Structures are given as C-alpha cells and as structure tokens.
Amino acid sequence: MHLLDANVLITAHNLYYPIGRFPEFWDWLVHMGEAGEIKVPVEILEEITEGSEIGRWLSEADNYGVLRLDEDVDPALVQAVIEKYATDLNDAEVIEIGRDPFLIAYAMALSDDRIVVTVEASKPSAKRANRRIPDVCKDLGVRWCNSFEMMSALNFTTGWRSRI
C-alpha cells in the first residue's frame, strides 16, 4: 500500500495534473484507493484546506472516505519517528515538522506492506526539524518513493480504465 503525503496531491494538482484538466489521474487515485493500493492518513488529509480545489475534490462523492486510511496510529511509533528528527526538539520544532511523523508511523506499523510517497527530496545534511521524509524513512527502514515512481509501480496511464 502506498501512503501519500499531502504534497503529492498538492503538487500533482498545481504542476502536473490539474483536477479540471486531467480527471483521469484523480479518478485513478480513487480507483486505487478503492483497491487498497493508495491511502492517505487522516492527519495528512487534514493538512489540505477545505477551500482549495483539492479540498473540494475530496468532498465530492466519497473521495475522502475512499482515500482515507481507516486506522489509528500507534503513538509510540509517532514518538519513535519524532526522535529521528532529534531527541530534544522544542515545541516550535515539533510544530514545524507538522504531520510527517504520522505518515511515517503508519508506514512503520506494517513496513513490509507500506511505502511512503512524497515529493520531498533526500537531503542528508538537513538537521532537526529540517530533516526530510526520505531521510527519516531511511533511518527507520521504511520504504519510500516519489510520485512518479508510485505511478510507474501502479502502472498509471491515461487509458487505465481500459485495463479494468
């Protein structure tokens, strides 16, 4: 299962696949959500503003429900992820990290079956709250990929419907 960071949806809409111009991509995400191949933790979905075009799209039909990962996160795993940023983060740094530890913790819960998807690029020199998702995933043995690697792995094409 691929667990999406909010930036995957935001970047797809803003740069590559605007919802109004490439509905095939967004329909494919829903199809993959129904198949259990793509999910988004609720903590990550909450990062998407309701007034945005993606927020409106999520509220259509049952897009939100289909994509939402329907489980609770283990707080101990979230804490383990936070400690990979630094063991002594202050409150401002924890706020700066945002919801990323939840995304990684959900993947840790079933690491053999889950892959974190993000548009963030690895930057091993980054420290503390500036650490990137790929580097924290690597430290924890959690698999990760970028959006295009996910689309390749799940065989996205604009003609995907003809294969179902």
C-alpha atoms as a PDB file:
ATOM      1  CA  MET A   1       0.000   0.000   0.000  1.00  0.00           C
ATOM      2  CA  HIS A   2       1.236   3.478  -0.904  1.00  0.00           C
ATOM      3  CA  LEU A   3       0.675   6.145   1.777  1.00  0.00           C
ATOM      4  CA  LEU A   4       0.539   9.621   0.285  1.00  0.00           C
ATOM      5  CA  ASP A   5       1.888  12.818   1.758  1.00  0.00           C
ATOM      6  CA  ALA A   6      -0.304  15.888   1.179  1.00  0.00           C
ATOM      7  CA  ASN A   7       2.384  17.349  -1.073  1.00  0.00           C
ATOM      8  CA  VAL A   8       1.781  14.522  -3.566  1.00  0.00           C
ATOM      9  CA  LEU A   9      -1.787  15.704  -4.150  1.00  0.00           C
ATOM     10  CA  ILE A  10      -0.954  19.398  -3.964  1.00  0.00           C
ATOM     11  CA  THR A  11       1.979  19.165  -6.383  1.00  0.00           C
ATOM     12  CA  ALA A  12       0.070  16.914  -8.779  1.00  0.00           C
ATOM     13  CA  HIS A  13      -2.749  19.445  -8.966  1.00  0.00           C
ATOM     14  CA  ASN A  14      -0.588  22.579  -9.084  1.00  0.00           C
ATOM     15  CA  LEU A  15       2.107  21.392 -11.509  1.00  0.00           C
ATOM     16  CA  TYR A  16       1.202  18.289 -13.490  1.00  0.00           C
ATOM     17  CA  TYR A  17      -2.415  17.139 -13.345  1.00  0.00           C
ATOM     18  CA  PRO A  18      -4.845  19.982 -12.561  1.00  0.00           C
ATOM     19  CA  ILE A  19      -8.126  18.432 -11.456  1.00  0.00           C
ATOM     20  CA  GLY A  20     -10.153  20.142 -14.172  1.00  0.00           C
ATOM     21  CA  ARG A  21      -7.788  19.213 -16.997  1.00  0.00           C
ATOM     22  CA  PHE A  22      -6.735  15.662 -16.071  1.00  0.00           C
ATOM     23  CA  PRO A  23      -9.687  13.994 -14.348  1.00  0.00           C
ATOM     24  CA  GLU A  24      -8.265  10.607 -15.396  1.00  0.00           C
ATOM     25  CA  PHE A  25      -5.475  10.973 -12.822  1.00  0.00           C
ATOM     26  CA  TRP A  26      -7.832  11.880  -9.989  1.00  0.00           C
ATOM     27  CA  ASP A  27     -10.280   9.118 -10.924  1.00  0.00           C
ATOM     28  CA  TRP A  28      -7.334   6.701 -10.944  1.00  0.00           C
ATOM     29  CA  LEU A  29      -6.382   7.788  -7.407  1.00  0.00           C
ATOM     30  CA  VAL A  30      -9.921   6.979  -6.257  1.00  0.00           C
ATOM     31  CA  HIS A  31      -9.831   3.641  -8.098  1.00  0.00           C
ATOM     32  CA  MET A  32      -6.507   2.792  -6.424  1.00  0.00           C
ATOM     33  CA  GLY A  33      -7.963   3.880  -3.075  1.00  0.00           C
ATOM     34  CA  GLU A  34     -10.908   1.519  -3.561  1.00  0.00           C
ATOM     35  CA  ALA A  35      -8.437  -1.251  -4.416  1.00  0.00           C
ATOM     36  CA  GLY A  36      -6.438  -0.547  -1.237  1.00  0.00           C
ATOM     37  CA  GLU A  37      -3.317   0.392  -3.206  1.00  0.00           C
ATOM     38  CA  ILE A  38      -3.305   4.086  -2.209  1.00  0.00           C
ATOM     39  CA  LYS A  39      -4.368   5.609   1.105  1.00  0.00           C
ATOM     40  CA  VAL A  40      -3.872   8.898   2.929  1.00  0.00           C
ATOM     41  CA  PRO A  41      -3.789   9.053   6.735  1.00  0.00           C
ATOM     42  CA  VAL A  42      -6.430  11.352   8.233  1.00  0.00           C
ATOM     43  CA  GLU A  43      -3.711  13.525   9.804  1.00  0.00           C
ATOM     44  CA  ILE A  44      -2.364  14.168   6.308  1.00  0.00           C
ATOM     45  CA  LEU A  45      -5.800  14.774   4.791  1.00  0.00           C
ATOM     46  CA  GLU A  46      -6.341  17.428   7.466  1.00  0.00           C
ATOM     47  CA  GLU A  47      -3.406  19.395   6.001  1.00  0.00           C
ATOM     48  CA  ILE A  48      -5.404  20.032   2.834  1.00  0.00           C
ATOM     49  CA  THR A  49      -7.503  23.160   3.127  1.00  0.00           C
ATOM     50  CA  GLU A  50     -11.206  22.742   2.663  1.00  0.00           C
ATOM     51  CA  GLY A  51     -11.475  25.807   0.430  1.00  0.00           C
ATOM     52  CA  SER A  52      -8.850  24.567  -2.009  1.00  0.00           C
ATOM     53  CA  GLU A  53      -9.688  22.796  -5.240  1.00  0.00           C
ATOM     54  CA  ILE A  54      -8.240  19.573  -3.811  1.00  0.00           C
ATOM     55  CA  GLY A  55     -10.370  20.054  -0.698  1.00  0.00           C
ATOM     56  CA  ARG A  56     -13.456  20.413  -2.868  1.00  0.00           C
ATOM     57  CA  TRP A  57     -12.461  17.322  -4.865  1.00  0.00           C
ATOM     58  CA  LEU A  58     -12.040  15.337  -1.644  1.00  0.00           C
ATOM     59  CA  SER A  59     -15.564  16.297  -0.604  1.00  0.00           C
ATOM     60  CA  GLU A  60     -17.062  15.029  -3.882  1.00  0.00           C
ATOM     61  CA  ALA A  61     -18.722  11.603  -3.872  1.00  0.00           C
ATOM     62  CA  ASP A  62     -16.789   9.630  -1.269  1.00  0.00           C
ATOM     63  CA  ASN A  63     -13.279  10.578  -2.396  1.00  0.00           C
ATOM     64  CA  TYR A  64     -12.270  11.442   1.173  1.00  0.00           C
ATOM     65  CA  GLY A  65     -13.613   8.177   2.575  1.00  0.00           C
ATOM     66  CA  VAL A  66     -12.124   6.061  -0.192  1.00  0.00           C
ATOM     67  CA  LEU A  67      -8.640   7.545   0.184  1.00  0.00           C
ATOM     68  CA  ARG A  68      -8.621   7.820   3.988  1.00  0.00           C
ATOM     69  CA  LEU A  69      -6.567   5.199   5.796  1.00  0.00           C
ATOM     70  CA  ASP A  70      -9.095   3.809   8.259  1.00  0.00           C
ATOM     71  CA  GLU A  71      -6.975   3.037  11.314  1.00  0.00           C
ATOM     72  CA  ASP A  72      -5.447   4.694  14.350  1.00  0.00           C
ATOM     73  CA  VAL A  73      -1.763   5.426  14.597  1.00  0.00           C
ATOM     74  CA  ASP A  74       0.383   3.950  17.374  1.00  0.00           C
ATOM     75  CA  PRO A  75       1.568   6.916  19.498  1.00  0.00           C
ATOM     76  CA  ALA A  76       4.780   5.044  20.351  1.00  0.00           C
ATOM     77  CA  LEU A  77       5.622   4.824  16.648  1.00  0.00           C
ATOM     78  CA  VAL A  78       4.936   8.543  16.180  1.00  0.00           C
ATOM     79  CA  GLN A  79       7.305   9.271  19.070  1.00  0.00           C
ATOM     80  CA  ALA A  80       9.959   6.977  17.566  1.00  0.00           C
ATOM     81  CA  VAL A  81       9.703   8.908  14.294  1.00  0.00           C
ATOM     82  CA  ILE A  82       9.930  12.291  16.030  1.00  0.00           C
ATOM     83  CA  GLU A  83      13.094  11.143  17.796  1.00  0.00           C
ATOM     84  CA  LYS A  84      14.733  10.541  14.401  1.00  0.00           C
ATOM     85  CA  TYR A  85      14.455  14.278  13.765  1.00  0.00           C
ATOM     86  CA  ALA A  86      16.173  14.921  17.120  1.00  0.00           C
ATOM     87  CA  THR A  87      15.679  13.626  20.650  1.00  0.00           C
ATOM     88  CA  ASP A  88      15.390  17.123  22.117  1.00  0.00           C
ATOM     89  CA  LEU A  89      13.069  19.028  19.765  1.00  0.00           C
ATOM     90  CA  ASN A  90      11.423  22.101  21.223  1.00  0.00           C
ATOM     91  CA  ASP A  91       7.724  22.897  20.747  1.00  0.00           C
ATOM     92  CA  ALA A  92       8.367  25.202  17.782  1.00  0.00           C
ATOM     93  CA  GLU A  93      10.343  22.465  16.006  1.00  0.00           C
ATOM     94  CA  VAL A  94       7.605  19.894  16.597  1.00  0.00           C
ATOM     95  CA  ILE A  95       5.115  22.319  15.044  1.00  0.00           C
ATOM     96  CA  GLU A  96       7.481  22.891  12.104  1.00  0.00           C
ATOM     97  CA  ILE A  97       7.697  19.146  11.416  1.00  0.00           C
ATOM     98  CA  GLY A  98       3.929  19.056  11.120  1.00  0.00           C
ATOM     99  CA  ARG A  99       2.141  15.787  10.383  1.00  0.00           C
ATOM    100  CA  ASP A 100       5.017  13.987   8.657  1.00  0.00           C
ATOM    101  CA  PRO A 101       5.759  11.743  11.674  1.00  0.00           C
ATOM    102  CA  PHE A 102       2.207  10.363  11.479  1.00  0.00           C
ATOM    103  CA  LEU A 103       2.658   9.419   7.820  1.00  0.00           C
ATOM    104  CA  ILE A 104       5.913   7.610   8.548  1.00  0.00           C
ATOM    105  CA  ALA A 105       4.495   5.935  11.682  1.00  0.00           C
ATOM    106  CA  TYR A 106       1.593   4.451   9.702  1.00  0.00           C
ATOM    107  CA  ALA A 107       4.115   3.011   7.263  1.00  0.00           C
ATOM    108  CA  MET A 108       6.237   1.644  10.131  1.00  0.00           C
ATOM    109  CA  ALA A 109       3.223  -0.224  11.517  1.00  0.00           C
ATOM    110  CA  LEU A 110       3.280  -2.575   8.511  1.00  0.00           C
ATOM    111  CA  SER A 111       6.614  -1.742   6.920  1.00  0.00           C
ATOM    112  CA  ASP A 112       6.707  -4.819   4.674  1.00  0.00           C
ATOM    113  CA  ASP A 113       3.444  -3.777   3.017  1.00  0.00           C
ATOM    114  CA  ARG A 114       3.605   0.028   3.004  1.00  0.00           C
ATOM    115  CA  ILE A 115       5.522   2.680   1.101  1.00  0.00           C
ATOM    116  CA  VAL A 116       5.561   6.391   1.915  1.00  0.00           C
ATOM    117  CA  VAL A 117       5.043   8.591  -1.158  1.00  0.00           C
ATOM    118  CA  THR A 118       6.359  12.155  -1.063  1.00  0.00           C
ATOM    119  CA  VAL A 119       7.683  14.820  -3.385  1.00  0.00           C
ATOM    120  CA  GLU A 120      10.357  15.730  -0.846  1.00  0.00           C
ATOM    121  CA  ALA A 121      13.903  15.012  -1.974  1.00  0.00           C
ATOM    122  CA  SER A 122      16.506  13.494   0.290  1.00  0.00           C
ATOM    123  CA  LYS A 123      18.822  16.000   1.956  1.00  0.00           C
ATOM    124  CA  PRO A 124      21.004  14.069   4.407  1.00  0.00           C
ATOM    125  CA  SER A 125      22.734  17.241   5.622  1.00  0.00           C
ATOM    126  CA  ALA A 126      19.460  18.678   6.973  1.00  0.00           C
ATOM    127  CA  LYS A 127      19.189  18.632  10.751  1.00  0.00           C
ATOM    128  CA  ARG A 128      16.464  18.586  13.352  1.00  0.00           C
ATOM    129  CA  ALA A 129      13.082  19.916  12.144  1.00  0.00           C
ATOM    130  CA  ASN A 130      14.543  20.476   8.672  1.00  0.00           C
ATOM    131  CA  ARG A 131      15.060  16.757   8.056  1.00  0.00           C
ATOM    132  CA  ARG A 132      13.256  15.361   5.035  1.00  0.00           C
ATOM    133  CA  ILE A 133      10.814  12.463   4.897  1.00  0.00           C
ATOM    134  CA  PRO A 134      13.095  10.260   2.728  1.00  0.00           C
ATOM    135  CA  ASP A 135      15.974  10.570   5.204  1.00  0.00           C
ATOM    136  CA  VAL A 136      13.833   9.831   8.255  1.00  0.00           C
ATOM    137  CA  CYS A 137      12.306   6.861   6.402  1.00  0.00           C
ATOM    138  CA  LYS A 138      15.779   5.560   5.580  1.00  0.00           C
ATOM    139  CA  ASP A 139      16.851   5.814   9.227  1.00  0.00           C
ATOM    140  CA  LEU A 140      13.788   3.799  10.263  1.00  0.00           C
ATOM    141  CA  GLY A 141      13.943   1.197   7.490  1.00  0.00           C
ATOM    142  CA  VAL A 142      10.696   2.457   5.942  1.00  0.00           C
ATOM    143  CA  ARG A 143      10.380   2.288   2.174  1.00  0.00           C
ATOM    144  CA  TRP A 144       9.568   5.493   0.322  1.00  0.00           C
ATOM    145  CA  CYS A 145       9.257   6.703  -3.257  1.00  0.00           C
ATOM    146  CA  ASN A 146       8.300   9.788  -5.209  1.00  0.00           C
ATOM    147  CA  SER A 147       5.031  10.349  -7.074  1.00  0.00           C
ATOM    148  CA  PHE A 148       6.359   9.224 -10.431  1.00  0.00           C
ATOM    149  CA  GLU A 149       7.832   6.016  -9.000  1.00  0.00           C
ATOM    150  CA  MET A 150       4.437   5.253  -7.449  1.00  0.00           C
ATOM    151  CA  MET A 151       2.631   5.890 -10.741  1.00  0.00           C
ATOM    152  CA  SER A 152       5.080   3.595 -12.508  1.00  0.00           C
ATOM    153  CA  ALA A 153       4.757   0.862  -9.869  1.00  0.00           C
ATOM    154  CA  LEU A 154       0.951   1.043 -10.057  1.00  0.00           C
ATOM    155  CA  ASN A 155       1.000   1.350 -13.866  1.00  0.00           C
ATOM    156  CA  PHE A 156      -0.826   4.669 -14.221  1.00  0.00           C
ATOM    157  CA  THR A 157      -1.725   5.697 -17.768  1.00  0.00           C
ATOM    158  CA  THR A 158      -4.457   7.982 -19.022  1.00  0.00           C
ATOM    159  CA  GLY A 159      -6.031   4.852 -20.516  1.00  0.00           C
ATOM    160  CA  TRP A 160      -6.103   2.950 -17.210  1.00  0.00           C
ATOM    161  CA  ARG A 161      -9.863   2.339 -17.417  1.00  0.00           C
ATOM    162  CA  SER A 162      -9.458   0.105 -20.468  1.00  0.00           C
ATOM    163  CA  ARG A 163      -7.464  -2.344 -18.307  1.00  0.00           C
ATOM    164  CA  ILE A 164     -10.112  -2.893 -15.626  1.00  0.00           C
END
